[in-house]
Amino acid sequence: MKKITINWGTGIVIAILAFMIFILSFVYKSVAIDKYQHQLVTDDYYKEELHYQEEIDKLNNANTLKEKIKIKNSNEGILISFPQELDPNLIKGLVVFKRMSNPNLDFKNEIKLTNHHMQIPKSSLVEGKWNIIIDWQYKDQEFLFKDVWFYQ
């Protein structure tokens, strides 16, 4: 039986080739496979950047409230609770659910409250990480709530 020996030069060439194969497979996965595609958070990034100060003002208005918006998972989906101190009939706005891994799952719902609560049905949701944005008005004041939520 013949003994196979590998010298230093052969070992270095094998190590470099293995590293190149690893890097090329990583590049292939990140570029060609749809599962790993990640888009920008928004298509109109620069346009939305112009309204950033308005967003900061809305967030500050929301922080001045005694009670904050609360979110929790329920058997029926996600339950959003608005502050009890406010009249639910005067709250208007939008609830936006964004899925960073798949923009096709994004959706918006108009705020329709039942006794300070809004239910997002289970049928609209997929398990995993969601960015929730609630842009709402109460009387003449505008508010904004943002959160990252894991639905399961």
Protein backbone atom coordinates (compact mmCIF):
# COMPACT_ATOMS: atom_id res chain seq x y z
CA MET A 1 0.00 0.00 0.00
CA LYS A 2 1.38 3.37 -1.06
CA LYS A 3 1.44 6.17 1.53
CA ILE A 4 0.11 9.56 0.31
CA THR A 5 2.05 12.56 1.51
CA ILE A 6 1.03 16.17 1.14
CA ASN A 7 3.74 18.80 1.22
CA TRP A 8 3.34 22.44 2.35
CA GLY A 9 2.69 23.80 -1.11
CA THR A 10 -0.10 21.33 -1.82
CA GLY A 11 -1.69 22.03 1.58
CA ILE A 12 -1.69 25.77 0.96
CA VAL A 13 -3.28 25.34 -2.49
CA ILE A 14 -5.99 23.06 -1.02
CA ALA A 15 -6.70 25.59 1.78
CA ILE A 16 -6.94 28.50 -0.68
CA LEU A 17 -9.25 26.53 -2.99
CA ALA A 18 -11.50 25.54 -0.06
CA PHE A 19 -11.67 29.18 1.08
CA MET A 20 -12.51 30.35 -2.46
CA ILE A 21 -15.28 27.76 -2.75
CA PHE A 22 -16.70 28.92 0.59
CA ILE A 23 -16.67 32.60 -0.43
CA LEU A 24 -18.15 31.91 -3.86
CA SER A 25 -20.96 29.80 -2.37
CA PHE A 26 -21.70 32.61 0.13
CA VAL A 27 -21.84 35.19 -2.69
CA TYR A 28 -24.09 32.92 -4.73
CA LYS A 29 -26.50 32.46 -1.80
CA SER A 30 -26.68 36.17 -1.02
CA VAL A 31 -27.20 37.26 -4.64
CA ALA A 32 -29.07 34.49 -6.46
CA ILE A 33 -31.36 32.85 -3.90
CA ASP A 34 -34.66 34.73 -3.30
CA LYS A 35 -34.89 33.53 0.29
CA TYR A 36 -31.99 35.80 1.26
CA GLN A 37 -33.13 38.90 -0.63
CA HIS A 38 -33.60 41.98 1.55
CA GLN A 39 -34.92 45.21 0.13
CA LEU A 40 -34.70 48.75 1.40
CA VAL A 41 -37.10 49.56 4.22
CA THR A 42 -39.01 51.81 1.86
CA ASP A 43 -38.87 52.58 -1.84
CA ASP A 44 -39.18 56.34 -1.26
CA TYR A 45 -36.40 56.61 1.31
CA TYR A 46 -35.26 60.15 0.42
CA LYS A 47 -38.80 61.46 0.11
CA GLU A 48 -39.67 60.12 3.56
CA GLU A 49 -36.47 61.56 5.04
CA LEU A 50 -37.86 65.06 4.41
CA HIS A 51 -40.73 64.33 6.81
CA TYR A 52 -38.52 63.01 9.60
CA GLN A 53 -39.00 66.04 11.90
CA GLU A 54 -42.79 65.59 11.70
CA GLU A 55 -42.28 61.97 12.75
CA ILE A 56 -40.16 63.05 15.73
CA ASP A 57 -42.88 65.51 16.80
CA LYS A 58 -45.54 62.80 16.60
CA LEU A 59 -43.39 60.41 18.66
CA ASN A 60 -42.85 63.13 21.28
CA ASN A 61 -46.62 63.76 21.43
CA ALA A 62 -47.18 60.04 22.06
CA ASN A 63 -44.60 60.09 24.86
CA THR A 64 -46.49 62.86 26.67
CA LEU A 65 -49.55 60.63 27.15
CA LYS A 66 -50.00 59.13 30.63
CA GLU A 67 -50.86 55.74 29.16
CA LYS A 68 -49.09 54.31 26.10
CA ILE A 69 -50.42 52.05 23.37
CA LYS A 70 -50.11 48.40 24.36
CA ILE A 71 -49.81 45.41 22.04
CA LYS A 72 -50.29 41.76 22.93
CA ASN A 73 -50.75 38.46 21.16
CA SER A 74 -54.15 36.82 21.57
CA ASN A 75 -55.84 33.68 20.27
CA GLU A 76 -57.58 35.75 17.60
CA GLY A 77 -54.44 37.63 16.42
CA ILE A 78 -52.89 40.81 17.83
CA LEU A 79 -54.76 43.06 20.24
CA ILE A 80 -53.85 46.77 20.21
CA SER A 81 -55.02 48.79 23.23
CA PHE A 82 -55.22 52.58 23.05
CA PRO A 83 -55.01 54.86 26.12
CA GLN A 84 -58.12 54.75 28.32
CA GLU A 85 -57.90 58.51 28.95
CA LEU A 86 -58.91 59.25 25.34
CA ASP A 87 -62.35 59.09 23.75
CA PRO A 88 -62.16 56.13 21.29
CA ASN A 89 -64.66 57.79 18.93
CA LEU A 90 -62.21 60.65 18.26
CA ILE A 91 -59.20 58.45 17.42
CA LYS A 92 -58.51 58.21 13.68
CA GLY A 93 -55.54 56.89 11.73
CA LEU A 94 -53.75 53.88 10.28
CA VAL A 95 -52.08 50.77 11.63
CA VAL A 96 -49.29 49.54 9.35
CA PHE A 97 -47.72 46.08 9.62
CA LYS A 98 -44.44 45.65 7.76
CA ARG A 99 -42.57 42.42 7.29
CA MET A 100 -38.92 43.17 6.46
CA SER A 101 -38.25 39.65 5.19
CA ASN A 102 -41.16 39.75 2.72
CA PRO A 103 -42.71 43.06 1.62
CA ASN A 104 -45.58 41.15 -0.02
CA LEU A 105 -46.98 40.47 3.48
CA ASP A 106 -47.20 44.20 4.39
CA PHE A 107 -50.67 45.57 5.06
CA LYS A 108 -52.50 48.62 6.45
CA ASN A 109 -55.70 48.82 8.47
CA GLU A 110 -57.74 51.87 9.31
CA ILE A 111 -58.17 52.31 13.06
CA LYS A 112 -61.60 51.05 14.14
CA LEU A 113 -61.85 50.80 17.91
CA THR A 114 -64.14 48.75 20.08
CA ASN A 115 -63.89 49.99 23.66
CA HIS A 116 -60.29 51.33 23.24
CA HIS A 117 -59.16 48.09 21.53
CA MET A 118 -58.43 47.05 17.96
CA GLN A 119 -58.04 43.43 16.89
CA ILE A 120 -55.77 42.46 13.98
CA PRO A 121 -57.13 39.08 12.82
CA LYS A 122 -54.97 35.99 12.81
CA SER A 123 -55.80 35.47 9.11
CA SER A 124 -53.84 38.65 8.21
CA LEU A 125 -50.72 37.58 10.10
CA VAL A 126 -47.84 35.18 9.63
CA GLU A 127 -45.73 34.08 12.57
CA GLY A 128 -42.51 36.02 13.02
CA LYS A 129 -41.13 39.52 13.35
CA TRP A 130 -43.30 42.51 12.36
CA ASN A 131 -42.63 46.24 12.41
CA ILE A 132 -45.81 47.92 13.65
CA ILE A 133 -46.42 51.61 12.94
CA ILE A 134 -49.52 53.32 14.30
CA ASP A 135 -50.00 56.82 12.88
CA TRP A 136 -53.03 58.35 14.57
CA GLN A 137 -54.79 61.60 15.40
CA TYR A 138 -56.82 62.61 18.43
CA LYS A 139 -58.69 65.88 18.06
CA ASP A 140 -56.08 68.23 16.50
CA GLN A 141 -52.98 66.41 17.73
CA GLU A 142 -51.01 63.79 15.79
CA PHE A 143 -49.29 60.79 17.39
CA LEU A 144 -46.98 58.03 16.22
CA PHE A 145 -46.22 54.66 17.75
CA LYS A 146 -43.54 52.28 16.46
CA ASP A 147 -42.64 48.85 17.73
CA VAL A 148 -41.06 45.61 16.61
CA TRP A 149 -43.35 42.72 17.51
CA PHE A 150 -42.99 38.96 17.36
CA TYR A 151 -46.25 37.23 16.55
CA GLN A 152 -46.60 33.53 17.28
